[in-house]
PDB file of N, CA and C in Angstrom:
ATOM      1  N   MET A   1      32.185 -58.666  -7.717  1.00  0.00           N
ATOM      2  CA  MET A   1      32.522 -58.447  -9.080  1.00  0.00           C
ATOM      3  C   MET A   1      34.058 -58.113  -9.050  1.00  0.00           C
ATOM      4  N   ILE A   2      34.773 -59.023 -10.124  1.00  0.00           N
ATOM      5  CA  ILE A   2      36.179 -58.861 -10.320  1.00  0.00           C
ATOM      6  C   ILE A   2      36.503 -58.790 -11.747  1.00  0.00           C
ATOM      7  N   LYS A   3      37.527 -58.141 -12.068  1.00  0.00           N
ATOM      8  CA  LYS A   3      37.817 -57.951 -13.511  1.00  0.00           C
ATOM      9  C   LYS A   3      39.442 -58.093 -13.733  1.00  0.00           C
ATOM     10  N   ARG A   4      39.721 -58.588 -14.962  1.00  0.00           N
ATOM     11  CA  ARG A   4      41.145 -58.651 -15.341  1.00  0.00           C
ATOM     12  C   ARG A   4      41.716 -57.331 -15.578  1.00  0.00           C
ATOM     13  N   LEU A   5      43.083 -57.220 -15.248  1.00  0.00           N
ATOM     14  CA  LEU A   5      43.685 -56.016 -15.350  1.00  0.00           C
ATOM     15  C   LEU A   5      44.616 -56.439 -16.717  1.00  0.00           C
ATOM     16  N   GLU A   6      44.074 -55.935 -17.897  1.00  0.00           N
ATOM     17  CA  GLU A   6      44.809 -56.117 -19.140  1.00  0.00           C
ATOM     18  C   GLU A   6      45.814 -55.158 -19.389  1.00  0.00           C
ATOM     19  N   ASN A   7      46.823 -55.441 -19.776  1.00  0.00           N
ATOM     20  CA  ASN A   7      47.945 -54.315 -20.187  1.00  0.00           C
ATOM     21  C   ASN A   7      48.259 -53.578 -18.990  1.00  0.00           C
ATOM     22  N   TYR A   8      48.405 -54.211 -18.014  1.00  0.00           N
ATOM     23  CA  TYR A   8      48.652 -53.521 -16.549  1.00  0.00           C
ATOM     24  C   TYR A   8      49.539 -54.334 -15.772  1.00  0.00           C
ATOM     25  N   SER A   9      50.588 -53.713 -15.320  1.00  0.00           N
ATOM     26  CA  SER A   9      51.649 -54.566 -14.549  1.00  0.00           C
ATOM     27  C   SER A   9      51.721 -54.340 -13.022  1.00  0.00           C
ATOM     28  N   LEU A  10      51.392 -55.312 -12.349  1.00  0.00           N
ATOM     29  CA  LEU A  10      51.465 -55.098 -10.831  1.00  0.00           C
ATOM     30  C   LEU A  10      52.767 -55.525 -10.388  1.00  0.00           C
ATOM     31  N   GLU A  11      53.429 -54.614  -9.785  1.00  0.00           N
ATOM     32  CA  GLU A  11      54.725 -54.882  -9.180  1.00  0.00           C
ATOM     33  C   GLU A  11      55.011 -55.059  -7.731  1.00  0.00           C
ATOM     34  N   ASP A  12      54.156 -54.309  -6.999  1.00  0.00           N
ATOM     35  CA  ASP A  12      54.317 -54.219  -5.434  1.00  0.00           C
ATOM     36  C   ASP A  12      53.397 -54.986  -4.828  1.00  0.00           C
ATOM     37  N   THR A  13      53.037 -56.260  -5.102  1.00  0.00           N
ATOM     38  CA  THR A  13      52.052 -57.036  -4.372  1.00  0.00           C
ATOM     39  C   THR A  13      52.850 -58.169  -3.737  1.00  0.00           C
ATOM     40  N   ARG A  14      52.244 -58.608  -2.607  1.00  0.00           N
ATOM     41  CA  ARG A  14      52.778 -59.713  -1.858  1.00  0.00           C
ATOM     42  C   ARG A  14      51.678 -60.451  -0.987  1.00  0.00           C
ATOM     43  N   PHE A  15      52.030 -61.557  -0.543  1.00  0.00           N
ATOM     44  CA  PHE A  15      51.038 -62.484   0.173  1.00  0.00           C
ATOM     45  C   PHE A  15      50.735 -61.778   1.714  1.00  0.00           C
ATOM     46  N   HIS A  16      49.684 -61.666   1.989  1.00  0.00           N
ATOM     47  CA  HIS A  16      49.164 -61.237   3.262  1.00  0.00           C
ATOM     48  C   HIS A  16      48.333 -62.121   4.066  1.00  0.00           C
ATOM     49  N   GLY A  17      48.356 -63.496   3.723  1.00  0.00           N
ATOM     50  CA  GLY A  17      47.720 -64.486   4.422  1.00  0.00           C
ATOM     51  C   GLY A  17      46.569 -64.871   3.979  1.00  0.00           C
ATOM     52  N   HIS A  18      45.990 -64.459   2.769  1.00  0.00           N
ATOM     53  CA  HIS A  18      44.696 -65.076   2.235  1.00  0.00           C
ATOM     54  C   HIS A  18      44.968 -66.098   1.034  1.00  0.00           C
ATOM     55  N   HIS A  19      44.494 -67.182   1.023  1.00  0.00           N
ATOM     56  CA  HIS A  19      44.577 -68.197   0.056  1.00  0.00           C
ATOM     57  C   HIS A  19      43.416 -68.956  -0.034  1.00  0.00           C
ATOM     58  N   PHE A  20      43.343 -69.833  -1.161  1.00  0.00           N
ATOM     59  CA  PHE A  20      42.165 -70.611  -1.358  1.00  0.00           C
ATOM     60  C   PHE A  20      42.492 -71.775  -2.152  1.00  0.00           C
ATOM     61  N   TYR A  21      41.625 -72.814  -2.236  1.00  0.00           N
ATOM     62  CA  TYR A  21      41.899 -73.999  -3.035  1.00  0.00           C
ATOM     63  C   TYR A  21      40.850 -73.999  -4.218  1.00  0.00           C
ATOM     64  N   ALA A  22      41.399 -74.337  -5.344  1.00  0.00           N
ATOM     65  CA  ALA A  22      40.615 -74.393  -6.626  1.00  0.00           C
ATOM     66  C   ALA A  22      41.468 -75.103  -7.587  1.00  0.00           C
ATOM     67  N   THR A  23      40.919 -75.470  -8.788  1.00  0.00           N
ATOM     68  CA  THR A  23      41.562 -76.151  -9.733  1.00  0.00           C
ATOM     69  C   THR A  23      41.809 -74.958 -10.820  1.00  0.00           C
ATOM     70  N   LYS A  24      42.883 -75.280 -11.534  1.00  0.00           N
ATOM     71  CA  LYS A  24      43.157 -74.203 -12.607  1.00  0.00           C
ATOM     72  C   LYS A  24      42.110 -74.002 -13.602  1.00  0.00           C
ATOM     73  N   ASP A  25      41.507 -75.045 -13.951  1.00  0.00           N
ATOM     74  CA  ASP A  25      40.291 -75.090 -14.863  1.00  0.00           C
ATOM     75  C   ASP A  25      39.332 -74.075 -14.224  1.00  0.00           C
ATOM     76  N   ASP A  26      38.929 -74.451 -13.074  1.00  0.00           N
ATOM     77  CA  ASP A  26      37.817 -73.570 -12.476  1.00  0.00           C
ATOM     78  C   ASP A  26      38.313 -72.119 -12.114  1.00  0.00           C
ATOM     79  N   LEU A  27      39.486 -71.883 -11.927  1.00  0.00           N
ATOM     80  CA  LEU A  27      39.924 -70.530 -11.749  1.00  0.00           C
ATOM     81  C   LEU A  27      39.818 -69.740 -13.009  1.00  0.00           C
ATOM     82  N   GLU A  28      40.291 -70.447 -14.212  1.00  0.00           N
ATOM     83  CA  GLU A  28      40.010 -69.887 -15.384  1.00  0.00           C
ATOM     84  C   GLU A  28      38.500 -69.601 -15.868  1.00  0.00           C
ATOM     85  N   LYS A  29      37.691 -70.372 -15.356  1.00  0.00           N
ATOM     86  CA  LYS A  29      36.280 -70.169 -15.679  1.00  0.00           C
ATOM     87  C   LYS A  29      35.764 -68.880 -15.111  1.00  0.00           C
ATOM     88  N   VAL A  30      36.255 -68.565 -13.856  1.00  0.00           N
ATOM     89  CA  VAL A  30      35.942 -67.378 -13.037  1.00  0.00           C
ATOM     90  C   VAL A  30      36.807 -66.189 -13.433  1.00  0.00           C
ATOM     91  N   CYS A  31      38.121 -66.400 -13.861  1.00  0.00           N
ATOM     92  CA  CYS A  31      38.989 -65.156 -14.021  1.00  0.00           C
ATOM     93  C   CYS A  31      39.483 -65.101 -15.546  1.00  0.00           C
ATOM     94  N   GLY A  32      39.161 -66.009 -16.235  1.00  0.00           N
ATOM     95  CA  GLY A  32      39.586 -65.964 -17.574  1.00  0.00           C
ATOM     96  C   GLY A  32      41.078 -66.768 -17.711  1.00  0.00           C
ATOM     97  N   LYS A  33      41.502 -66.918 -18.921  1.00  0.00           N
ATOM     98  CA  LYS A  33      42.662 -67.638 -19.250  1.00  0.00           C
ATOM     99  C   LYS A  33      43.956 -67.092 -18.384  1.00  0.00           C
ATOM    100  N   VAL A  34      44.658 -68.009 -17.956  1.00  0.00           N
ATOM    101  CA  VAL A  34      45.918 -67.592 -17.126  1.00  0.00           C
ATOM    102  C   VAL A  34      46.649 -66.427 -17.852  1.00  0.00           C
ATOM    103  N   MET A  35      47.116 -65.472 -17.139  1.00  0.00           N
ATOM    104  CA  MET A  35      47.678 -64.320 -17.809  1.00  0.00           C
ATOM    105  C   MET A  35      49.208 -64.464 -18.025  1.00  0.00           C
ATOM    106  N   TYR A  36      49.911 -65.028 -17.048  1.00  0.00           N
ATOM    107  CA  TYR A  36      51.265 -65.295 -16.942  1.00  0.00           C
ATOM    108  C   TYR A  36      51.596 -66.705 -16.610  1.00  0.00           C
ATOM    109  N   THR A  37      52.384 -67.342 -17.409  1.00  0.00           N
ATOM    110  CA  THR A  37      52.701 -68.788 -17.052  1.00  0.00           C
ATOM    111  C   THR A  37      54.166 -69.073 -17.367  1.00  0.00           C
ATOM    112  N   ASP A  38      54.679 -69.904 -16.526  1.00  0.00           N
ATOM    113  CA  ASP A  38      56.103 -70.424 -16.772  1.00  0.00           C
ATOM    114  C   ASP A  38      56.149 -71.912 -16.545  1.00  0.00           C
ATOM    115  N   GLY A  39      56.453 -72.504 -17.606  1.00  0.00           N
ATOM    116  CA  GLY A  39      56.482 -74.025 -17.572  1.00  0.00           C
ATOM    117  C   GLY A  39      57.587 -74.557 -16.785  1.00  0.00           C
ATOM    118  N   ASP A  40      58.488 -73.815 -16.321  1.00  0.00           N
ATOM    119  CA  ASP A  40      59.694 -74.367 -15.571  1.00  0.00           C
ATOM    120  C   ASP A  40      59.311 -74.673 -14.010  1.00  0.00           C
ATOM    121  N   ILE A  41      59.290 -76.016 -13.697  1.00  0.00           N
ATOM    122  CA  ILE A  41      58.793 -76.345 -12.472  1.00  0.00           C
ATOM    123  C   ILE A  41      59.659 -75.915 -11.260  1.00  0.00           C
ATOM    124  N   ASN A  42      60.767 -75.457 -11.672  1.00  0.00           N
ATOM    125  CA  ASN A  42      61.658 -74.787 -10.539  1.00  0.00           C
ATOM    126  C   ASN A  42      61.421 -73.395 -10.101  1.00  0.00           C
ATOM    127  N   GLU A  43      60.446 -72.687 -10.828  1.00  0.00           N
ATOM    128  CA  GLU A  43      60.074 -71.393 -10.597  1.00  0.00           C
ATOM    129  C   GLU A  43      59.110 -71.459  -9.439  1.00  0.00           C
ATOM    130  N   LYS A  44      59.291 -70.455  -8.523  1.00  0.00           N
ATOM    131  CA  LYS A  44      58.203 -70.438  -7.399  1.00  0.00           C
ATOM    132  C   LYS A  44      56.742 -70.047  -7.759  1.00  0.00           C
ATOM    133  N   THR A  45      56.669 -69.435  -8.901  1.00  0.00           N
ATOM    134  CA  THR A  45      55.182 -69.183  -9.393  1.00  0.00           C
ATOM    135  C   THR A  45      55.178 -69.667 -10.860  1.00  0.00           C
ATOM    136  N   GLN A  46      54.224 -70.535 -11.220  1.00  0.00           N
ATOM    137  CA  GLN A  46      54.127 -71.102 -12.665  1.00  0.00           C
ATOM    138  C   GLN A  46      52.823 -70.295 -13.288  1.00  0.00           C
ATOM    139  N   ASN A  47      51.843 -69.962 -12.497  1.00  0.00           N
ATOM    140  CA  ASN A  47      50.585 -69.264 -13.204  1.00  0.00           C
ATOM    141  C   ASN A  47      50.140 -68.188 -12.336  1.00  0.00           C
ATOM    142  N   GLU A  48      49.747 -67.119 -13.182  1.00  0.00           N
ATOM    143  CA  GLU A  48      49.366 -66.013 -12.370  1.00  0.00           C
ATOM    144  C   GLU A  48      48.413 -65.127 -13.144  1.00  0.00           C
ATOM    145  N   TRP A  49      47.475 -64.426 -12.337  1.00  0.00           N
ATOM    146  CA  TRP A  49      46.437 -63.489 -13.003  1.00  0.00           C
ATOM    147  C   TRP A  49      46.522 -62.274 -12.226  1.00  0.00           C
ATOM    148  N   GLU A  50      46.288 -61.278 -12.975  1.00  0.00           N
ATOM    149  CA  GLU A  50      46.228 -59.777 -12.329  1.00  0.00           C
ATOM    150  C   GLU A  50      44.809 -59.310 -12.390  1.00  0.00           C
ATOM    151  N   MET A  51      44.272 -59.029 -11.388  1.00  0.00           N
ATOM    152  CA  MET A  51      42.811 -58.645 -11.196  1.00  0.00           C
ATOM    153  C   MET A  51      42.638 -57.462 -10.526  1.00  0.00           C
ATOM    154  N   ALA A  52      41.293 -57.108 -10.507  1.00  0.00           N
ATOM    155  CA  ALA A  52      40.861 -55.917  -9.580  1.00  0.00           C
ATOM    156  C   ALA A  52      39.471 -56.087  -9.149  1.00  0.00           C
ATOM    157  N   THR A  53      39.039 -55.563  -8.025  1.00  0.00           N
ATOM    158  CA  THR A  53      37.796 -55.736  -7.368  1.00  0.00           C
ATOM    159  C   THR A  53      37.100 -54.584  -8.006  1.00  0.00           C
ATOM    160  N   LYS A  54      35.753 -54.521  -7.708  1.00  0.00           N
ATOM    161  CA  LYS A  54      34.847 -53.423  -8.194  1.00  0.00           C
ATOM    162  C   LYS A  54      35.266 -52.111  -7.678  1.00  0.00           C
ATOM    163  N   ASP A  55      35.809 -52.105  -6.590  1.00  0.00           N
ATOM    164  CA  ASP A  55      36.254 -50.781  -6.057  1.00  0.00           C
ATOM    165  C   ASP A  55      37.783 -50.476  -6.112  1.00  0.00           C
ATOM    166  N   ASP A  56      38.373 -51.233  -7.232  1.00  0.00           N
ATOM    167  CA  ASP A  56      39.563 -50.961  -7.747  1.00  0.00           C
ATOM    168  C   ASP A  56      40.772 -51.373  -6.887  1.00  0.00           C
ATOM    169  N   VAL A  57      40.619 -52.322  -6.033  1.00  0.00           N
ATOM    170  CA  VAL A  57      41.722 -52.910  -5.321  1.00  0.00           C
ATOM    171  C   VAL A  57      42.416 -53.975  -6.228  1.00  0.00           C
ATOM    172  N   HIS A  58      43.647 -53.636  -6.664  1.00  0.00           N
ATOM    173  CA  HIS A  58      44.380 -54.524  -7.476  1.00  0.00           C
ATOM    174  C   HIS A  58      45.070 -55.666  -6.720  1.00  0.00           C
ATOM    175  N   PHE A  59      44.996 -56.937  -7.305  1.00  0.00           N
ATOM    176  CA  PHE A  59      45.492 -57.967  -6.673  1.00  0.00           C
ATOM    177  C   PHE A  59      45.883 -59.068  -7.722  1.00  0.00           C
ATOM    178  N   THR A  60      46.790 -59.954  -7.225  1.00  0.00           N
ATOM    179  CA  THR A  60      47.365 -61.113  -8.134  1.00  0.00           C
ATOM    180  C   THR A  60      46.722 -62.392  -7.524  1.00  0.00           C
ATOM    181  N   ILE A  61      46.578 -63.417  -8.293  1.00  0.00           N
ATOM    182  CA  ILE A  61      46.397 -64.763  -7.887  1.00  0.00           C
ATOM    183  C   ILE A  61      47.398 -65.605  -8.502  1.00  0.00           C
ATOM    184  N   TYR A  62      47.995 -66.387  -7.628  1.00  0.00           N
ATOM    185  CA  TYR A  62      49.199 -67.166  -8.274  1.00  0.00           C
ATOM    186  C   TYR A  62      49.403 -68.461  -7.296  1.00  0.00           C
ATOM    187  N   ASP A  63      49.935 -69.412  -8.077  1.00  0.00           N
ATOM    188  CA  ASP A  63      50.352 -70.696  -7.335  1.00  0.00           C
ATOM    189  C   ASP A  63      51.638 -70.455  -6.722  1.00  0.00           C
ATOM    190  N   TRP A  64      51.940 -70.966  -5.460  1.00  0.00           N
ATOM    191  CA  TRP A  64      53.265 -70.700  -4.906  1.00  0.00           C
ATOM    192  C   TRP A  64      53.984 -71.941  -4.482  1.00  0.00           C
ATOM    193  N   LYS A  65      55.161 -72.016  -4.997  1.00  0.00           N
ATOM    194  CA  LYS A  65      55.992 -73.156  -4.630  1.00  0.00           C
ATOM    195  C   LYS A  65      55.523 -74.597  -4.863  1.00  0.00           C
ATOM    196  N   GLU A  66      54.680 -74.753  -5.921  1.00  0.00           N
ATOM    197  CA  GLU A  66      54.210 -76.128  -6.257  1.00  0.00           C
ATOM    198  C   GLU A  66      55.420 -76.987  -6.794  1.00  0.00           C
ATOM    199  N   TYR A  67      56.324 -76.550  -7.423  1.00  0.00           N
ATOM    200  CA  TYR A  67      57.615 -77.109  -7.805  1.00  0.00           C
ATOM    201  C   TYR A  67      57.343 -78.398  -8.551  1.00  0.00           C
ATOM    202  N   ARG A  68      56.168 -78.456  -9.307  1.00  0.00           N
ATOM    203  CA  ARG A  68      55.793 -79.833  -9.993  1.00  0.00           C
ATOM    204  C   ARG A  68      54.825 -79.443 -11.098  1.00  0.00           C
ATOM    205  N   GLU A  69      54.777 -80.332 -11.972  1.00  0.00           N
ATOM    206  CA  GLU A  69      53.649 -80.239 -12.898  1.00  0.00           C
ATOM    207  C   GLU A  69      52.405 -80.762 -12.165  1.00  0.00           C
ATOM    208  N   TYR A  70      51.255 -80.151 -12.575  1.00  0.00           N
ATOM    209  CA  TYR A  70      49.933 -80.459 -11.667  1.00  0.00           C
ATOM    210  C   TYR A  70      48.914 -80.394 -12.948  1.00  0.00           C
ATOM    211  N   ASP A  71      47.886 -81.366 -12.715  1.00  0.00           N
ATOM    212  CA  ASP A  71      46.824 -81.382 -13.615  1.00  0.00           C
ATOM    213  C   ASP A  71      45.854 -80.228 -13.474  1.00  0.00           C
ATOM    214  N   ARG A  72      45.275 -79.787 -14.543  1.00  0.00           N
ATOM    215  CA  ARG A  72      44.410 -78.704 -14.673  1.00  0.00           C
ATOM    216  C   ARG A  72      43.134 -78.790 -13.853  1.00  0.00           C
ATOM    217  N   ASP A  73      42.786 -80.044 -13.442  1.00  0.00           N
ATOM    218  CA  ASP A  73      41.603 -80.461 -12.680  1.00  0.00           C
ATOM    219  C   ASP A  73      42.042 -80.840 -11.183  1.00  0.00           C
ATOM    220  N   GLU A  74      43.314 -80.616 -10.850  1.00  0.00           N
ATOM    221  CA  GLU A  74      43.827 -80.855  -9.442  1.00  0.00           C
ATOM    222  C   GLU A  74      43.420 -79.657  -8.599  1.00  0.00           C
ATOM    223  N   MET A  75      42.882 -79.982  -7.397  1.00  0.00           N
ATOM    224  CA  MET A  75      42.706 -78.784  -6.525  1.00  0.00           C
ATOM    225  C   MET A  75      44.087 -78.534  -5.756  1.00  0.00           C
ATOM    226  N   ILE A  76      44.422 -77.285  -6.018  1.00  0.00           N
ATOM    227  CA  ILE A  76      45.817 -76.758  -5.417  1.00  0.00           C
ATOM    228  C   ILE A  76      45.403 -75.484  -4.485  1.00  0.00           C
ATOM    229  N   GLU A  77      46.407 -75.104  -3.818  1.00  0.00           N
ATOM    230  CA  GLU A  77      46.324 -73.801  -3.074  1.00  0.00           C
ATOM    231  C   GLU A  77      46.838 -72.629  -4.045  1.00  0.00           C
ATOM    232  N   TRP A  78      45.933 -71.534  -4.033  1.00  0.00           N
ATOM    233  CA  TRP A  78      46.292 -70.385  -4.813  1.00  0.00           C
ATOM    234  C   TRP A  78      46.449 -69.144  -3.712  1.00  0.00           C
ATOM    235  N   HIS A  79      47.469 -68.485  -3.999  1.00  0.00           N
ATOM    236  CA  HIS A  79      47.725 -67.152  -3.039  1.00  0.00           C
ATOM    237  C   HIS A  79      47.078 -66.058  -3.646  1.00  0.00           C
ATOM    238  N   ILE A  80      46.794 -65.013  -2.868  1.00  0.00           N
ATOM    239  CA  ILE A  80      46.329 -63.812  -3.238  1.00  0.00           C
ATOM    240  C   ILE A  80      47.430 -62.778  -2.770  1.00  0.00           C
ATOM    241  N   GLY A  81      47.926 -61.976  -3.810  1.00  0.00           N
ATOM    242  CA  GLY A  81      49.021 -60.862  -3.539  1.00  0.00           C
ATOM    243  C   GLY A  81      48.440 -59.469  -3.708  1.00  0.00           C
ATOM    244  N   THR A  82      48.551 -58.571  -2.638  1.00  0.00           N
ATOM    245  CA  THR A  82      48.104 -57.341  -2.885  1.00  0.00           C
ATOM    246  C   THR A  82      49.047 -56.245  -2.169  1.00  0.00           C
ATOM    247  N   GLU A  83      48.806 -55.086  -2.098  1.00  0.00           N
ATOM    248  CA  GLU A  83      49.792 -54.155  -1.458  1.00  0.00           C
ATOM    249  C   GLU A  83      49.634 -54.042   0.045  1.00  0.00           C
ATOM    250  N   ASN A  84      48.455 -54.594   0.676  1.00  0.00           N
ATOM    251  CA  ASN A  84      48.483 -54.466   2.095  1.00  0.00           C
ATOM    252  C   ASN A  84      47.304 -55.596   2.586  1.00  0.00           C
ATOM    253  N   ARG A  85      47.277 -55.717   3.794  1.00  0.00           N
ATOM    254  CA  ARG A  85      46.260 -56.562   4.437  1.00  0.00           C
ATOM    255  C   ARG A  85      44.772 -56.348   4.101  1.00  0.00           C
ATOM    256  N   PHE A  86      44.366 -55.020   4.009  1.00  0.00           N
ATOM    257  CA  PHE A  86      43.174 -54.653   3.904  1.00  0.00           C
ATOM    258  C   PHE A  86      42.743 -55.005   2.407  1.00  0.00           C
ATOM    259  N   GLY A  87      43.684 -54.806   1.438  1.00  0.00           N
ATOM    260  CA  GLY A  87      43.363 -55.175   0.071  1.00  0.00           C
ATOM    261  C   GLY A  87      43.255 -56.582  -0.185  1.00  0.00           C
ATOM    262  N   SER A  88      44.043 -57.385   0.794  1.00  0.00           N
ATOM    263  CA  SER A  88      44.069 -58.880   0.578  1.00  0.00           C
ATOM    264  C   SER A  88      42.714 -59.423   0.995  1.00  0.00           C
ATOM    265  N   LEU A  89      42.137 -58.864   2.110  1.00  0.00           N
ATOM    266  CA  LEU A  89      40.805 -59.192   2.646  1.00  0.00           C
ATOM    267  C   LEU A  89      39.715 -58.850   1.602  1.00  0.00           C
ATOM    268  N   LYS A  90      39.775 -57.687   0.915  1.00  0.00           N
ATOM    269  CA  LYS A  90      38.878 -57.280  -0.074  1.00  0.00           C
ATOM    270  C   LYS A  90      39.060 -58.127  -1.332  1.00  0.00           C
ATOM    271  N   ALA A  91      40.122 -58.568  -1.710  1.00  0.00           N
ATOM    272  CA  ALA A  91      40.195 -59.363  -2.916  1.00  0.00           C
ATOM    273  C   ALA A  91      39.773 -60.754  -2.589  1.00  0.00           C
ATOM    274  N   TYR A  92      40.165 -61.255  -1.408  1.00  0.00           N
ATOM    275  CA  TYR A  92      39.556 -62.641  -1.022  1.00  0.00           C
ATOM    276  C   TYR A  92      38.118 -62.570  -0.974  1.00  0.00           C
ATOM    277  N   GLU A  93      37.388 -61.607  -0.421  1.00  0.00           N
ATOM    278  CA  GLU A  93      35.857 -61.457  -0.470  1.00  0.00           C
ATOM    279  C   GLU A  93      35.283 -61.301  -1.793  1.00  0.00           C
ATOM    280  N   ALA A  94      35.901 -60.665  -2.658  1.00  0.00           N
ATOM    281  CA  ALA A  94      35.488 -60.561  -4.015  1.00  0.00           C
ATOM    282  C   ALA A  94      35.648 -61.888  -4.770  1.00  0.00           C
ATOM    283  N   LEU A  95      36.873 -62.582  -4.565  1.00  0.00           N
ATOM    284  CA  LEU A  95      36.875 -63.941  -5.219  1.00  0.00           C
ATOM    285  C   LEU A  95      35.820 -64.832  -4.670  1.00  0.00           C
ATOM    286  N   LYS A  96      35.615 -64.860  -3.456  1.00  0.00           N
ATOM    287  CA  LYS A  96      34.695 -65.714  -2.705  1.00  0.00           C
ATOM    288  C   LYS A  96      33.287 -65.479  -3.428  1.00  0.00           C
ATOM    289  N   ARG A  97      32.828 -64.235  -3.688  1.00  0.00           N
ATOM    290  CA  ARG A  97      31.695 -63.999  -4.286  1.00  0.00           C
ATOM    291  C   ARG A  97      31.536 -64.446  -5.786  1.00  0.00           C
ATOM    292  N   ALA A  98      32.688 -64.238  -6.444  1.00  0.00           N
ATOM    293  CA  ALA A  98      32.773 -64.547  -7.934  1.00  0.00           C
ATOM    294  C   ALA A  98      32.717 -65.970  -8.087  1.00  0.00           C
ATOM    295  N   PHE A  99      33.330 -66.768  -7.197  1.00  0.00           N
ATOM    296  CA  PHE A  99      33.258 -68.297  -7.215  1.00  0.00           C
ATOM    297  C   PHE A  99      31.795 -68.735  -6.809  1.00  0.00           C
ATOM    298  N   HIS A 100      31.302 -68.160  -5.860  1.00  0.00           N
ATOM    299  CA  HIS A 100      29.969 -68.561  -5.388  1.00  0.00           C
ATOM    300  C   HIS A 100      28.917 -68.272  -6.460  1.00  0.00           C
ATOM    301  N   LEU A 101      28.975 -67.335  -7.195  1.00  0.00           N
ATOM    302  CA  LEU A 101      28.157 -66.902  -8.321  1.00  0.00           C
ATOM    303  C   LEU A 101      28.240 -67.731  -9.501  1.00  0.00           C
ATOM    304  N   HIS A 102      29.309 -68.342  -9.749  1.00  0.00           N
ATOM    305  CA  HIS A 102      29.559 -69.200 -10.882  1.00  0.00           C
ATOM    306  C   HIS A 102      28.945 -70.560 -10.733  1.00  0.00           C
ATOM    307  N   PRO A 103      28.134 -71.049 -11.540  1.00  0.00           N
ATOM    308  CA  PRO A 103      27.421 -72.290 -11.262  1.00  0.00           C
ATOM    309  C   PRO A 103      28.240 -73.548 -11.549  1.00  0.00           C
ATOM    310  N   LYS A 104      29.296 -73.502 -12.080  1.00  0.00           N
ATOM    311  CA  LYS A 104      29.921 -74.816 -12.543  1.00  0.00           C
ATOM    312  C   LYS A 104      31.467 -74.946 -12.037  1.00  0.00           C
ATOM    313  N   VAL A 105      31.648 -74.373 -10.897  1.00  0.00           N
ATOM    314  CA  VAL A 105      33.097 -74.445 -10.405  1.00  0.00           C
ATOM    315  C   VAL A 105      33.054 -75.169  -8.969  1.00  0.00           C
ATOM    316  N   ASN A 106      34.163 -75.684  -8.643  1.00  0.00           N
ATOM    317  CA  ASN A 106      34.393 -76.297  -7.267  1.00  0.00           C
ATOM    318  C   ASN A 106      35.521 -75.578  -6.573  1.00  0.00           C
ATOM    319  N   TYR A 107      35.353 -75.380  -5.376  1.00  0.00           N
ATOM    320  CA  TYR A 107      36.349 -74.428  -4.865  1.00  0.00           C
ATOM    321  C   TYR A 107      36.327 -74.577  -3.126  1.00  0.00           C
ATOM    322  N   ASN A 108      37.309 -74.126  -2.433  1.00  0.00           N
ATOM    323  CA  ASN A 108      37.348 -74.118  -1.010  1.00  0.00           C
ATOM    324  C   ASN A 108      37.762 -72.848  -0.558  1.00  0.00           C
ATOM    325  N   ILE A 109      36.933 -71.865  -0.388  1.00  0.00           N
ATOM    326  CA  ILE A 109      37.367 -70.446   0.084  1.00  0.00           C
ATOM    327  C   ILE A 109      36.705 -70.257   1.528  1.00  0.00           C
TER     328      ILE A 109
END
């Protein structure tokens, strides 16, 4: 189980090696509408979600260095940002369960 962190700002998260492949459309089916977006293709991150696991591990999901416009149904790499490696693994496992339980998404986790 994962939930959105509404009205909450995560500042000290970074990549600890966990990533997955999904479309933006499928990610929105699982995590809700993108929370932060930047249409500037020169930005390192264009789309981001702030989420938490059921045991309250906070994490971000973001596209990293795409530097281009991509289609909503294009499979791309998404990074998981957390405070530490343990949190990254917990977030990765929670996302894997959430994608697996959703009947209409494609992913590679």
